[in-house]
Each structure stands twice: as C-alpha cells, then as structure tokens.
Amino acid sequence: MNQIVNVSDNVNIEKLATDSSVVSAWCEFLRVQNNLAESTIAMYRRGLKAFAKWMHEEQRAYPTPVDCLAFKQALMEKYSSQTVNLRLSSVRSFYSFLVTSGLCLYNPMQAVNGARRINATRHKRNALSPAEVKRVLAIHDGQSPLAVRNRCVLYLMAYCGLRTIEIVRADFGDLRSEDDRLVLDVQGKGHKEKDDLVIIPGPAEDAIREWYTIRKKMNVSDNDPLFCSLSKRNASDRLSTLTIRLMVKAAFDQVGVIGAGKTTHSLRHSAITQAIKGGASPMQVQAMARHKSYDTTLIYYHENDRMENPAEDLVSY
C-alpha cells in the first residue's frame, strides 16, 4: 500500500477517497481493529465520499485543518449535529488510518471538534394512544398466513418495542424459550451480533406462536428469516424494512391514526411509554428498550412526567 502515494505533509483526498485499494483497506481496518458493524462502515464510506465531493467543489485537493473546519461549518448549515459528527468521524477515522499506514504524516481533522449536541428532552416521534394501538392490533384478525404474519410483527413492535431493523434481522432460530418464558434473540442497531434479547409477554405470545407454527411448516432452518415474504414472486425472502413500514402505514391509515409524528417507530415508542406508565423502573425500561445510553431512557420518563404531572396544574392565584 505504501506505493500508492508518496508520504508527504498532506495528501490528495479526492485521489485516495476514490482509490478502491485504499478504501477497502480502511474498511477492513474499521472491521477488524474497531469492530464496527457493516452498516456503520457503510455510513463512514458515505461520509468520506461527501468530504471528497465537497473538497472537489471547493477546489481544495489537499485538506488542512482550516479546510476541515470549513467543511464542518458547511455541514452544520444543512444537517443535524448527529449527522455532522458522523461525517466528521468518518474523515477523522480515514486520516487516522492513513497516518497509521504511513500514507500521511498528520490528521487534519484531528483538531476539529465535533458539533455540540443540544440535549433532547422530547422525541421527534409520538406514541400512539392505547386505543389506537388496540385498533392497529385488531387489523389483521384473520387466520391466513399473511394475516398471522402481519399480526405477529405488529405485536412484537407494540409489546416488545422492536425496531424495524430488528424485525428484519430476526431468524427462525432466534425464537426460543428460557426459564419458562418465550424470548427472541435480537441484533440491535449498530450491533454485529445477536447479543441481546426481548421477553415476549402474554398478550403477544399467542400471535407469535401462531406464526411460528405456520413458518415451521415451510421447511425452514434456524438461519432462515423468521419473517418472510409470502408472495409468489419472492416467497421465503426476508422481509425488507420498506415492506414492514408500508404494512404499518397501511394499518395506521385504515384505523385512522392521527398525527404526522406517528410512524412505524411510534409502536416502539408506545411500548416503552406504556411500560413506564405501568410502573417499570428506568433500569427495566433501559433493558427492554436496549438503550445504550441511560439518558435516552430518561427522555421517555421526562415526557411522561411532563404530561401527567405538569407544573402548570400547580399554578394558583
């Protein structure tokens, strides 16, 4: 690899960012040394591509810390702090790899701090009301394989708080019993392995067992998807995130779920909110929601307390 470019104070970022051998080596470095998931590596590659494109448009082939700061400021005019920091991390990581590999003497992004995040106190998505959730769950009340499958997906979201990607990644062998409880092993967002689980409560268990019985008759192995297409064109293929979102949206539209902030993710939001209202402790909710940050869990408690115990009700004249 040291033959690709000569070591210098700086390197042509457009040249290196489009050199497949360099980018592939960087990705392998992220995969092995940093233990990053493939989805995260893909986002890093997009971040690097965005930086190279910006440098090309600005006619700045050899980045300096000043250029990197200007890139950050340009991003902040268009994107959230989370997106800005992800793209900065992508470039910072790429240059760190170049320095380690002897292709560059310094990392121009190293001195550029990330964008400050404004601590969120509310979610962008709203929970459904209990009445709305009940109507959504009653949509697929038939016994056809399609109805049973869709009902199972909705119950997992509404009672276990599963993310769409976790539904997609679920395999047939991930559903099992432990200590007399039905559980599902889960590969969460940003994880490389199925290193977490959700416990399926009584109200959802019937729906899960119904679909399990149908799926088992399809001559599946443990590594086959738990949720598959039932159409003739792509039968047995793993359900896509788009298919799940369209299915949930159709259910919302059919029962008249009201609110622009209510999306597929709202079923997960509803599950967590109802657990809190039912008396679950923050630690219980963090385990259920599989939140990496405790602060993320506390946002749900803040929202719930804000509506149920508002200070406005204590104002008296």
C-alpha atoms as a PDB file:
ATOM      1  CA  MET A   1       0.000   0.000   0.000  1.00  0.00           C
ATOM      2  CA  ASN A   2       2.889   2.409   0.638  1.00  0.00           C
ATOM      3  CA  GLN A   3       3.439   2.531  -3.129  1.00  0.00           C
ATOM      4  CA  ILE A   4       0.080   4.183  -3.783  1.00  0.00           C
ATOM      5  CA  VAL A   5       1.248   7.672  -2.822  1.00  0.00           C
ATOM      6  CA  ASN A   6       4.398   9.259  -1.525  1.00  0.00           C
ATOM      7  CA  VAL A   7       4.458  10.216   2.142  1.00  0.00           C
ATOM      8  CA  SER A   8       4.016  13.964   2.437  1.00  0.00           C
ATOM      9  CA  ASP A   9       2.648  16.612   4.740  1.00  0.00           C
ATOM     10  CA  ASN A  10      -0.683  16.241   3.026  1.00  0.00           C
ATOM     11  CA  VAL A  11      -2.418  14.003   0.501  1.00  0.00           C
ATOM     12  CA  ASN A  12      -4.883  14.471  -2.316  1.00  0.00           C
ATOM     13  CA  ILE A  13      -8.114  13.423  -0.603  1.00  0.00           C
ATOM     14  CA  GLU A  14     -10.054  13.015  -3.838  1.00  0.00           C
ATOM     15  CA  LYS A  15      -7.429  10.631  -5.176  1.00  0.00           C
ATOM     16  CA  LEU A  16      -7.324   8.485  -2.045  1.00  0.00           C
ATOM     17  CA  ALA A  17     -11.088   8.541  -1.394  1.00  0.00           C
ATOM     18  CA  THR A  18     -11.678   7.075  -4.853  1.00  0.00           C
ATOM     19  CA  ASP A  19      -8.822   4.558  -4.699  1.00  0.00           C
ATOM     20  CA  SER A  20     -10.561   1.226  -4.149  1.00  0.00           C
ATOM     21  CA  SER A  21      -7.497  -0.446  -2.636  1.00  0.00           C
ATOM     22  CA  VAL A  22      -7.052   2.290  -0.030  1.00  0.00           C
ATOM     23  CA  VAL A  23     -10.745   2.482   0.834  1.00  0.00           C
ATOM     24  CA  SER A  24     -11.017  -1.312   1.062  1.00  0.00           C
ATOM     25  CA  ALA A  25      -8.010  -1.451   3.385  1.00  0.00           C
ATOM     26  CA  TRP A  26      -9.542   1.281   5.549  1.00  0.00           C
ATOM     27  CA  CYS A  27     -12.849  -0.583   5.743  1.00  0.00           C
ATOM     28  CA  GLU A  28     -11.051  -3.755   6.765  1.00  0.00           C
ATOM     29  CA  PHE A  29      -9.234  -1.738   9.430  1.00  0.00           C
ATOM     30  CA  LEU A  30     -12.597  -0.500  10.748  1.00  0.00           C
ATOM     31  CA  ARG A  31     -13.981  -4.017  10.622  1.00  0.00           C
ATOM     32  CA  VAL A  32     -11.111  -5.742  12.422  1.00  0.00           C
ATOM     33  CA  GLN A  33      -9.478  -3.116  14.629  1.00  0.00           C
ATOM     34  CA  ASN A  34     -12.529  -1.025  15.559  1.00  0.00           C
ATOM     35  CA  ASN A  35     -15.032  -3.883  15.409  1.00  0.00           C
ATOM     36  CA  LEU A  36     -17.592  -1.745  13.581  1.00  0.00           C
ATOM     37  CA  ALA A  37     -20.782  -3.181  12.105  1.00  0.00           C
ATOM     38  CA  GLU A  38     -21.137  -3.262   8.321  1.00  0.00           C
ATOM     39  CA  SER A  39     -23.942  -0.685   8.448  1.00  0.00           C
ATOM     40  CA  THR A  40     -21.665   1.723  10.342  1.00  0.00           C
ATOM     41  CA  ILE A  41     -18.821   1.139   7.893  1.00  0.00           C
ATOM     42  CA  ALA A  42     -21.195   1.941   5.020  1.00  0.00           C
ATOM     43  CA  MET A  43     -22.110   5.245   6.719  1.00  0.00           C
ATOM     44  CA  TYR A  44     -18.408   6.039   7.183  1.00  0.00           C
ATOM     45  CA  ARG A  45     -17.800   5.455   3.488  1.00  0.00           C
ATOM     46  CA  ARG A  46     -20.639   7.840   2.611  1.00  0.00           C
ATOM     47  CA  GLY A  47     -19.172  10.418   4.975  1.00  0.00           C
ATOM     48  CA  LEU A  48     -15.757  10.172   3.324  1.00  0.00           C
ATOM     49  CA  LYS A  49     -17.346  10.431  -0.131  1.00  0.00           C
ATOM     50  CA  ALA A  50     -19.227  13.567   0.946  1.00  0.00           C
ATOM     51  CA  PHE A  51     -15.983  15.149   2.170  1.00  0.00           C
ATOM     52  CA  ALA A  52     -14.142  14.327  -1.055  1.00  0.00           C
ATOM     53  CA  LYS A  53     -17.020  15.753  -3.095  1.00  0.00           C
ATOM     54  CA  TRP A  54     -17.064  18.954  -1.032  1.00  0.00           C
ATOM     55  CA  MET A  55     -13.301  19.349  -1.391  1.00  0.00           C
ATOM     56  CA  HIS A  56     -13.624  18.907  -5.165  1.00  0.00           C
ATOM     57  CA  GLU A  57     -16.385  21.505  -5.387  1.00  0.00           C
ATOM     58  CA  GLU A  58     -14.329  23.916  -3.273  1.00  0.00           C
ATOM     59  CA  GLN A  59     -11.244  23.167  -5.392  1.00  0.00           C
ATOM     60  CA  ARG A  60      -9.252  22.173  -2.325  1.00  0.00           C
ATOM     61  CA  ALA A  61      -7.380  18.978  -3.143  1.00  0.00           C
ATOM     62  CA  TYR A  62      -5.052  18.932  -0.123  1.00  0.00           C
ATOM     63  CA  PRO A  63      -7.033  19.405   3.121  1.00  0.00           C
ATOM     64  CA  THR A  64      -5.724  21.486   6.004  1.00  0.00           C
ATOM     65  CA  PRO A  65      -7.341  21.874   9.454  1.00  0.00           C
ATOM     66  CA  VAL A  66      -8.857  25.129   8.162  1.00  0.00           C
ATOM     67  CA  ASP A  67     -10.470  23.225   5.277  1.00  0.00           C
ATOM     68  CA  CYS A  68     -11.826  20.621   7.707  1.00  0.00           C
ATOM     69  CA  LEU A  69     -13.317  23.338   9.886  1.00  0.00           C
ATOM     70  CA  ALA A  70     -14.954  24.920   6.821  1.00  0.00           C
ATOM     71  CA  PHE A  71     -16.389  21.506   5.931  1.00  0.00           C
ATOM     72  CA  LYS A  72     -17.841  21.210   9.423  1.00  0.00           C
ATOM     73  CA  GLN A  73     -19.440  24.656   9.165  1.00  0.00           C
ATOM     74  CA  ALA A  74     -20.937  23.781   5.770  1.00  0.00           C
ATOM     75  CA  LEU A  75     -22.433  20.612   7.227  1.00  0.00           C
ATOM     76  CA  MET A  76     -23.911  22.455  10.215  1.00  0.00           C
ATOM     77  CA  GLU A  77     -25.879  24.682   7.859  1.00  0.00           C
ATOM     78  CA  LYS A  78     -27.706  21.655   6.418  1.00  0.00           C
ATOM     79  CA  TYR A  79     -27.663  18.761   8.890  1.00  0.00           C
ATOM     80  CA  SER A  80     -28.303  17.802  12.493  1.00  0.00           C
ATOM     81  CA  SER A  81     -25.383  17.650  14.937  1.00  0.00           C
ATOM     82  CA  GLN A  82     -25.607  13.848  14.871  1.00  0.00           C
ATOM     83  CA  THR A  83     -25.119  13.725  11.088  1.00  0.00           C
ATOM     84  CA  VAL A  84     -22.368  16.341  11.248  1.00  0.00           C
ATOM     85  CA  ASN A  85     -20.449  14.375  13.881  1.00  0.00           C
ATOM     86  CA  LEU A  86     -20.820  11.133  11.959  1.00  0.00           C
ATOM     87  CA  ARG A  87     -19.294  12.670   8.827  1.00  0.00           C
ATOM     88  CA  LEU A  88     -16.501  14.320  10.782  1.00  0.00           C
ATOM     89  CA  SER A  89     -15.773  10.989  12.472  1.00  0.00           C
ATOM     90  CA  SER A  90     -15.638   9.333   9.054  1.00  0.00           C
ATOM     91  CA  VAL A  91     -12.969  11.711   7.778  1.00  0.00           C
ATOM     92  CA  ARG A  92     -11.086  11.668  11.090  1.00  0.00           C
ATOM     93  CA  SER A  93     -11.030   7.871  11.005  1.00  0.00           C
ATOM     94  CA  PHE A  94      -9.849   7.767   7.388  1.00  0.00           C
ATOM     95  CA  TYR A  95      -6.938  10.096   8.084  1.00  0.00           C
ATOM     96  CA  SER A  96      -6.071   8.191  11.238  1.00  0.00           C
ATOM     97  CA  PHE A  97      -5.817   5.081   9.084  1.00  0.00           C
ATOM     98  CA  LEU A  98      -3.636   6.923   6.546  1.00  0.00           C
ATOM     99  CA  VAL A  99      -1.272   8.066   9.295  1.00  0.00           C
ATOM    100  CA  THR A 100      -1.086   4.551  10.744  1.00  0.00           C
ATOM    101  CA  SER A 101      -0.383   3.158   7.277  1.00  0.00           C
ATOM    102  CA  GLY A 102       2.356   5.672   6.544  1.00  0.00           C
ATOM    103  CA  LEU A 103       0.431   7.383   3.750  1.00  0.00           C
ATOM    104  CA  CYS A 104       0.111  10.714   5.541  1.00  0.00           C
ATOM    105  CA  LEU A 105       2.071  12.474   8.293  1.00  0.00           C
ATOM    106  CA  TYR A 106      -0.782  14.120  10.157  1.00  0.00           C
ATOM    107  CA  ASN A 107      -4.556  14.088  10.545  1.00  0.00           C
ATOM    108  CA  PRO A 108      -6.025  17.493   9.546  1.00  0.00           C
ATOM    109  CA  MET A 109      -9.385  16.580  11.102  1.00  0.00           C
ATOM    110  CA  GLN A 110      -7.872  15.770  14.496  1.00  0.00           C
ATOM    111  CA  ALA A 111      -8.019  19.357  15.736  1.00  0.00           C
ATOM    112  CA  VAL A 112     -11.643  19.882  14.649  1.00  0.00           C
ATOM    113  CA  ASN A 113     -14.114  19.299  17.467  1.00  0.00           C
ATOM    114  CA  GLY A 114     -17.498  17.726  16.875  1.00  0.00           C
ATOM    115  CA  ALA A 115     -20.686  19.749  16.694  1.00  0.00           C
ATOM    116  CA  ARG A 116     -22.250  20.358  20.072  1.00  0.00           C
ATOM    117  CA  ARG A 117     -25.410  18.392  20.581  1.00  0.00           C
ATOM    118  CA  ILE A 118     -28.449  20.029  22.089  1.00  0.00           C
ATOM    119  CA  ASN A 119     -29.722  17.642  24.735  1.00  0.00           C
ATOM    120  CA  ALA A 120     -33.073  16.364  23.580  1.00  0.00           C
ATOM    121  CA  THR A 121     -35.962  16.497  26.012  1.00  0.00           C
ATOM    122  CA  ARG A 122     -38.603  15.258  23.601  1.00  0.00           C
ATOM    123  CA  HIS A 123     -38.748  12.695  20.821  1.00  0.00           C
ATOM    124  CA  LYS A 124     -39.442  13.595  17.205  1.00  0.00           C
ATOM    125  CA  ARG A 125     -41.929  10.716  17.006  1.00  0.00           C
ATOM    126  CA  ASN A 126     -45.083  10.440  19.066  1.00  0.00           C
ATOM    127  CA  ALA A 127     -46.507   7.395  20.791  1.00  0.00           C
ATOM    128  CA  LEU A 128     -49.909   6.091  19.781  1.00  0.00           C
ATOM    129  CA  SER A 129     -52.713   6.252  22.306  1.00  0.00           C
ATOM    130  CA  PRO A 130     -53.654   2.889  23.892  1.00  0.00           C
ATOM    131  CA  ALA A 131     -56.935   2.976  21.922  1.00  0.00           C
ATOM    132  CA  GLU A 132     -55.023   3.491  18.657  1.00  0.00           C
ATOM    133  CA  VAL A 133     -52.679   0.601  19.421  1.00  0.00           C
ATOM    134  CA  LYS A 134     -55.642  -1.701  20.102  1.00  0.00           C
ATOM    135  CA  ARG A 135     -57.245  -0.757  16.788  1.00  0.00           C
ATOM    136  CA  VAL A 136     -53.979  -1.328  14.917  1.00  0.00           C
ATOM    137  CA  LEU A 137     -53.507  -4.753  16.515  1.00  0.00           C
ATOM    138  CA  ALA A 138     -57.039  -5.743  15.550  1.00  0.00           C
ATOM    139  CA  ILE A 139     -56.485  -5.014  11.845  1.00  0.00           C
ATOM    140  CA  HIS A 140     -55.135  -8.451  10.927  1.00  0.00           C
ATOM    141  CA  ASP A 141     -57.613 -10.675  12.766  1.00  0.00           C
ATOM    142  CA  GLY A 142     -57.857 -13.440  10.153  1.00  0.00           C
ATOM    143  CA  GLN A 143     -56.148 -16.824  10.084  1.00  0.00           C
ATOM    144  CA  SER A 144     -54.472 -16.627   6.665  1.00  0.00           C
ATOM    145  CA  PRO A 145     -50.646 -16.845   6.731  1.00  0.00           C
ATOM    146  CA  LEU A 146     -50.431 -13.179   5.684  1.00  0.00           C
ATOM    147  CA  ALA A 147     -52.753 -12.023   8.468  1.00  0.00           C
ATOM    148  CA  VAL A 148     -50.960 -14.114  11.092  1.00  0.00           C
ATOM    149  CA  ARG A 149     -47.530 -12.875   9.969  1.00  0.00           C
ATOM    150  CA  ASN A 150     -48.535  -9.208   9.970  1.00  0.00           C
ATOM    151  CA  ARG A 151     -50.274  -9.575  13.321  1.00  0.00           C
ATOM    152  CA  CYS A 152     -47.118 -11.121  14.771  1.00  0.00           C
ATOM    153  CA  VAL A 153     -44.947  -8.236  13.525  1.00  0.00           C
ATOM    154  CA  LEU A 154     -47.303  -5.639  14.995  1.00  0.00           C
ATOM    155  CA  TYR A 155     -47.459  -7.394  18.367  1.00  0.00           C
ATOM    156  CA  LEU A 156     -43.660  -7.598  18.604  1.00  0.00           C
ATOM    157  CA  MET A 157     -43.408  -3.870  17.954  1.00  0.00           C
ATOM    158  CA  ALA A 158     -46.254  -2.857  20.249  1.00  0.00           C
ATOM    159  CA  TYR A 159     -45.395  -5.115  23.203  1.00  0.00           C
ATOM    160  CA  CYS A 160     -41.630  -5.647  22.938  1.00  0.00           C
ATOM    161  CA  GLY A 161     -40.592  -2.353  21.330  1.00  0.00           C
ATOM    162  CA  LEU A 162     -38.743  -3.996  18.462  1.00  0.00           C
ATOM    163  CA  ARG A 163     -37.167  -1.735  15.864  1.00  0.00           C
ATOM    164  CA  THR A 164     -37.893  -2.359  12.185  1.00  0.00           C
ATOM    165  CA  ILE A 165     -34.305  -3.494  11.578  1.00  0.00           C
ATOM    166  CA  GLU A 166     -34.570  -5.964  14.454  1.00  0.00           C
ATOM    167  CA  ILE A 167     -37.671  -7.489  12.857  1.00  0.00           C
ATOM    168  CA  VAL A 168     -35.816  -7.780   9.544  1.00  0.00           C
ATOM    169  CA  ARG A 169     -32.752  -9.427  11.108  1.00  0.00           C
ATOM    170  CA  ALA A 170     -34.701 -11.979  13.167  1.00  0.00           C
ATOM    171  CA  ASP A 171     -34.057 -15.607  12.203  1.00  0.00           C
ATOM    172  CA  PHE A 172     -36.281 -18.594  12.842  1.00  0.00           C
ATOM    173  CA  GLY A 173     -33.813 -19.995  15.368  1.00  0.00           C
ATOM    174  CA  ASP A 174     -33.773 -16.752  17.383  1.00  0.00           C
ATOM    175  CA  LEU A 175     -37.164 -17.553  18.885  1.00  0.00           C
ATOM    176  CA  ARG A 176     -36.768 -19.841  21.891  1.00  0.00           C
ATOM    177  CA  SER A 177     -37.851 -20.472  25.483  1.00  0.00           C
ATOM    178  CA  GLU A 178     -35.802 -19.627  28.557  1.00  0.00           C
ATOM    179  CA  ASP A 179     -36.821 -20.026  32.206  1.00  0.00           C
ATOM    180  CA  ASP A 180     -40.362 -20.805  31.089  1.00  0.00           C
ATOM    181  CA  ARG A 181     -40.548 -17.568  29.088  1.00  0.00           C
ATOM    182  CA  LEU A 182     -40.696 -17.084  25.326  1.00  0.00           C
ATOM    183  CA  VAL A 183     -37.778 -14.888  24.190  1.00  0.00           C
ATOM    184  CA  LEU A 184     -36.329 -13.602  20.941  1.00  0.00           C
ATOM    185  CA  ASP A 185     -32.599 -13.041  20.461  1.00  0.00           C
ATOM    186  CA  VAL A 186     -32.039  -9.627  18.901  1.00  0.00           C
ATOM    187  CA  GLN A 187     -29.330  -7.955  16.837  1.00  0.00           C
ATOM    188  CA  GLY A 188     -29.823  -4.341  17.771  1.00  0.00           C
ATOM    189  CA  LYS A 189     -28.993  -1.159  15.905  1.00  0.00           C
ATOM    190  CA  GLY A 190     -25.238  -0.859  15.352  1.00  0.00           C
ATOM    191  CA  HIS A 191     -24.534  -4.363  16.700  1.00  0.00           C
ATOM    192  CA  LYS A 192     -22.663  -7.069  14.798  1.00  0.00           C
ATOM    193  CA  GLU A 193     -24.134  -9.984  16.736  1.00  0.00           C
ATOM    194  CA  LYS A 194     -27.403 -11.025  18.355  1.00  0.00           C
ATOM    195  CA  ASP A 195     -26.195 -10.183  21.817  1.00  0.00           C
ATOM    196  CA  ASP A 196     -29.479  -9.054  23.375  1.00  0.00           C
ATOM    197  CA  LEU A 197     -32.969 -10.426  23.812  1.00  0.00           C
ATOM    198  CA  VAL A 198     -36.566  -9.383  24.303  1.00  0.00           C
ATOM    199  CA  ILE A 199     -39.031 -11.200  26.507  1.00  0.00           C
ATOM    200  CA  ILE A 200     -42.395 -11.789  24.863  1.00  0.00           C
ATOM    201  CA  PRO A 201     -45.279 -11.042  27.255  1.00  0.00           C
ATOM    202  CA  GLY A 202     -48.539 -12.968  27.457  1.00  0.00           C
ATOM    203  CA  PRO A 203     -50.673 -10.735  25.204  1.00  0.00           C
ATOM    204  CA  ALA A 204     -48.188 -11.170  22.347  1.00  0.00           C
ATOM    205  CA  GLU A 205     -47.387 -14.835  22.883  1.00  0.00           C
ATOM    206  CA  ASP A 206     -50.415 -16.250  21.046  1.00  0.00           C
ATOM    207  CA  ALA A 207     -49.639 -14.169  17.949  1.00  0.00           C
ATOM    208  CA  ILE A 208     -46.006 -15.294  17.989  1.00  0.00           C
ATOM    209  CA  ARG A 209     -46.827 -18.970  18.433  1.00  0.00           C
ATOM    210  CA  GLU A 210     -49.393 -18.857  15.623  1.00  0.00           C
ATOM    211  CA  TRP A 211     -46.835 -17.518  13.163  1.00  0.00           C
ATOM    212  CA  TYR A 212     -44.134 -19.887  14.448  1.00  0.00           C
ATOM    213  CA  THR A 213     -46.390 -22.867  13.689  1.00  0.00           C
ATOM    214  CA  ILE A 214     -47.072 -21.645  10.153  1.00  0.00           C
ATOM    215  CA  ARG A 215     -43.431 -20.777   9.467  1.00  0.00           C
ATOM    216  CA  LYS A 216     -42.200 -24.149  10.744  1.00  0.00           C
ATOM    217  CA  LYS A 217     -44.326 -25.944   8.146  1.00  0.00           C
ATOM    218  CA  MET A 218     -42.364 -24.143   5.409  1.00  0.00           C
ATOM    219  CA  ASN A 219     -39.399 -26.477   5.958  1.00  0.00           C
ATOM    220  CA  VAL A 220     -37.131 -23.778   7.388  1.00  0.00           C
ATOM    221  CA  SER A 221     -33.767 -23.956   9.142  1.00  0.00           C
ATOM    222  CA  ASP A 222     -32.671 -21.909  12.151  1.00  0.00           C
ATOM    223  CA  ASN A 223     -30.771 -19.480   9.885  1.00  0.00           C
ATOM    224  CA  ASP A 224     -33.771 -18.722   7.673  1.00  0.00           C
ATOM    225  CA  PRO A 225     -35.625 -15.441   8.296  1.00  0.00           C
ATOM    226  CA  LEU A 226     -38.343 -15.546  10.921  1.00  0.00           C
ATOM    227  CA  PHE A 227     -40.422 -13.156   8.832  1.00  0.00           C
ATOM    228  CA  CYS A 228     -40.502 -13.828   5.103  1.00  0.00           C
ATOM    229  CA  SER A 229     -42.346 -12.727   2.000  1.00  0.00           C
ATOM    230  CA  LEU A 230     -45.446 -14.741   1.139  1.00  0.00           C
ATOM    231  CA  SER A 231     -45.783 -13.537  -2.444  1.00  0.00           C
ATOM    232  CA  LYS A 232     -45.180 -15.924  -5.341  1.00  0.00           C
ATOM    233  CA  ARG A 233     -42.501 -13.699  -6.855  1.00  0.00           C
ATOM    234  CA  ASN A 234     -40.134 -13.707  -3.865  1.00  0.00           C
ATOM    235  CA  ALA A 235     -41.593 -16.284  -1.497  1.00  0.00           C
ATOM    236  CA  SER A 236     -39.437 -17.053   1.563  1.00  0.00           C
ATOM    237  CA  ASP A 237     -37.223 -13.981   1.043  1.00  0.00           C
ATOM    238  CA  ARG A 238     -36.516 -11.944   4.152  1.00  0.00           C
ATOM    239  CA  LEU A 239     -38.956  -9.077   4.692  1.00  0.00           C
ATOM    240  CA  SER A 240     -37.453  -5.674   3.917  1.00  0.00           C
ATOM    241  CA  THR A 241     -37.670  -2.579   6.083  1.00  0.00           C
ATOM    242  CA  LEU A 242     -39.730  -0.922   3.332  1.00  0.00           C
ATOM    243  CA  THR A 243     -42.288  -3.751   3.334  1.00  0.00           C
ATOM    244  CA  ILE A 244     -42.690  -3.505   7.107  1.00  0.00           C
ATOM    245  CA  ARG A 245     -43.065   0.279   7.027  1.00  0.00           C
ATOM    246  CA  LEU A 246     -45.671   0.095   4.284  1.00  0.00           C
ATOM    247  CA  MET A 247     -47.577  -2.573   6.205  1.00  0.00           C
ATOM    248  CA  VAL A 248     -47.607  -0.490   9.389  1.00  0.00           C
ATOM    249  CA  LYS A 249     -48.553   2.683   7.500  1.00  0.00           C
ATOM    250  CA  ALA A 250     -51.457   0.856   5.852  1.00  0.00           C
ATOM    251  CA  ALA A 251     -52.675  -0.289   9.270  1.00  0.00           C
ATOM    252  CA  PHE A 252     -52.398   3.270  10.641  1.00  0.00           C
ATOM    253  CA  ASP A 253     -54.335   4.661   7.682  1.00  0.00           C
ATOM    254  CA  GLN A 254     -57.034   2.017   7.955  1.00  0.00           C
ATOM    255  CA  VAL A 255     -57.829   2.707  11.611  1.00  0.00           C
ATOM    256  CA  GLY A 256     -57.358   6.474  11.367  1.00  0.00           C
ATOM    257  CA  VAL A 257     -54.232   7.040  13.450  1.00  0.00           C
ATOM    258  CA  ILE A 258     -53.939  10.807  13.705  1.00  0.00           C
ATOM    259  CA  GLY A 259     -50.703  12.794  13.805  1.00  0.00           C
ATOM    260  CA  ALA A 260     -47.818  13.484  11.421  1.00  0.00           C
ATOM    261  CA  GLY A 261     -45.360  12.419  14.132  1.00  0.00           C
ATOM    262  CA  LYS A 262     -46.766   8.897  14.283  1.00  0.00           C
ATOM    263  CA  THR A 263     -44.717   6.478  12.207  1.00  0.00           C
ATOM    264  CA  THR A 264     -43.604   2.854  12.340  1.00  0.00           C
ATOM    265  CA  HIS A 265     -41.205   3.801  15.155  1.00  0.00           C
ATOM    266  CA  SER A 266     -44.198   5.035  17.151  1.00  0.00           C
ATOM    267  CA  LEU A 267     -45.143   1.447  18.014  1.00  0.00           C
ATOM    268  CA  ARG A 268     -41.782   1.050  19.770  1.00  0.00           C
ATOM    269  CA  HIS A 269     -42.329   4.421  21.428  1.00  0.00           C
ATOM    270  CA  SER A 270     -45.768   3.248  22.576  1.00  0.00           C
ATOM    271  CA  ALA A 271     -44.380   0.051  24.117  1.00  0.00           C
ATOM    272  CA  ILE A 272     -41.772   1.949  26.133  1.00  0.00           C
ATOM    273  CA  THR A 273     -44.268   4.619  27.207  1.00  0.00           C
ATOM    274  CA  GLN A 274     -46.811   2.063  28.407  1.00  0.00           C
ATOM    275  CA  ALA A 275     -44.121   0.186  30.356  1.00  0.00           C
ATOM    276  CA  ILE A 276     -43.298   3.425  32.183  1.00  0.00           C
ATOM    277  CA  LYS A 277     -46.952   4.146  32.896  1.00  0.00           C
ATOM    278  CA  GLY A 278     -47.282   0.590  34.177  1.00  0.00           C
ATOM    279  CA  GLY A 279     -44.624   1.269  36.813  1.00  0.00           C
ATOM    280  CA  ALA A 280     -41.419  -0.060  35.197  1.00  0.00           C
ATOM    281  CA  SER A 281     -38.186   1.315  36.665  1.00  0.00           C
ATOM    282  CA  PRO A 282     -35.668   3.160  34.472  1.00  0.00           C
ATOM    283  CA  MET A 283     -33.318   0.158  34.586  1.00  0.00           C
ATOM    284  CA  GLN A 284     -36.116  -2.171  33.494  1.00  0.00           C
ATOM    285  CA  VAL A 285     -37.030   0.152  30.622  1.00  0.00           C
ATOM    286  CA  GLN A 286     -33.399   0.543  29.546  1.00  0.00           C
ATOM    287  CA  ALA A 287     -33.078  -3.257  29.342  1.00  0.00           C
ATOM    288  CA  MET A 288     -36.362  -3.593  27.469  1.00  0.00           C
ATOM    289  CA  ALA A 289     -35.565  -0.802  25.002  1.00  0.00           C
ATOM    290  CA  ARG A 290     -31.932  -1.878  24.642  1.00  0.00           C
ATOM    291  CA  HIS A 291     -30.771   1.722  25.004  1.00  0.00           C
ATOM    292  CA  LYS A 292     -27.008   2.144  25.089  1.00  0.00           C
ATOM    293  CA  SER A 293     -27.345   5.446  26.938  1.00  0.00           C
ATOM    294  CA  TYR A 294     -29.245   5.783  30.193  1.00  0.00           C
ATOM    295  CA  ASP A 295     -30.006   9.397  29.222  1.00  0.00           C
ATOM    296  CA  THR A 296     -32.004   8.158  26.230  1.00  0.00           C
ATOM    297  CA  THR A 297     -34.217   6.164  28.578  1.00  0.00           C
ATOM    298  CA  LEU A 298     -34.720   9.154  30.856  1.00  0.00           C
ATOM    299  CA  ILE A 299     -36.148  11.197  27.971  1.00  0.00           C
ATOM    300  CA  TYR A 300     -39.159   8.869  27.982  1.00  0.00           C
ATOM    301  CA  TYR A 301     -39.633   9.450  31.717  1.00  0.00           C
ATOM    302  CA  HIS A 302     -39.376  13.201  31.233  1.00  0.00           C
ATOM    303  CA  GLU A 303     -42.038  13.152  28.513  1.00  0.00           C
ATOM    304  CA  ASN A 304     -44.365  11.003  30.583  1.00  0.00           C
ATOM    305  CA  ASP A 305     -43.980  13.110  33.715  1.00  0.00           C
ATOM    306  CA  ARG A 306     -44.358  16.324  31.737  1.00  0.00           C
ATOM    307  CA  MET A 307     -47.831  15.312  30.573  1.00  0.00           C
ATOM    308  CA  GLU A 308     -49.071  13.579  33.717  1.00  0.00           C
ATOM    309  CA  ASN A 309     -47.646  15.950  36.348  1.00  0.00           C
ATOM    310  CA  PRO A 310     -47.305  19.369  34.714  1.00  0.00           C
ATOM    311  CA  ALA A 311     -46.210  22.269  36.878  1.00  0.00           C
ATOM    312  CA  GLU A 312     -48.894  24.335  35.152  1.00  0.00           C
ATOM    313  CA  ASP A 313     -51.555  22.486  37.161  1.00  0.00           C
ATOM    314  CA  LEU A 314     -49.987  23.773  40.386  1.00  0.00           C
ATOM    315  CA  VAL A 315     -50.336  27.437  39.461  1.00  0.00           C
ATOM    316  CA  SER A 316     -52.908  29.094  41.664  1.00  0.00           C
ATOM    317  CA  TYR A 317     -53.979  32.720  42.152  1.00  0.00           C
END
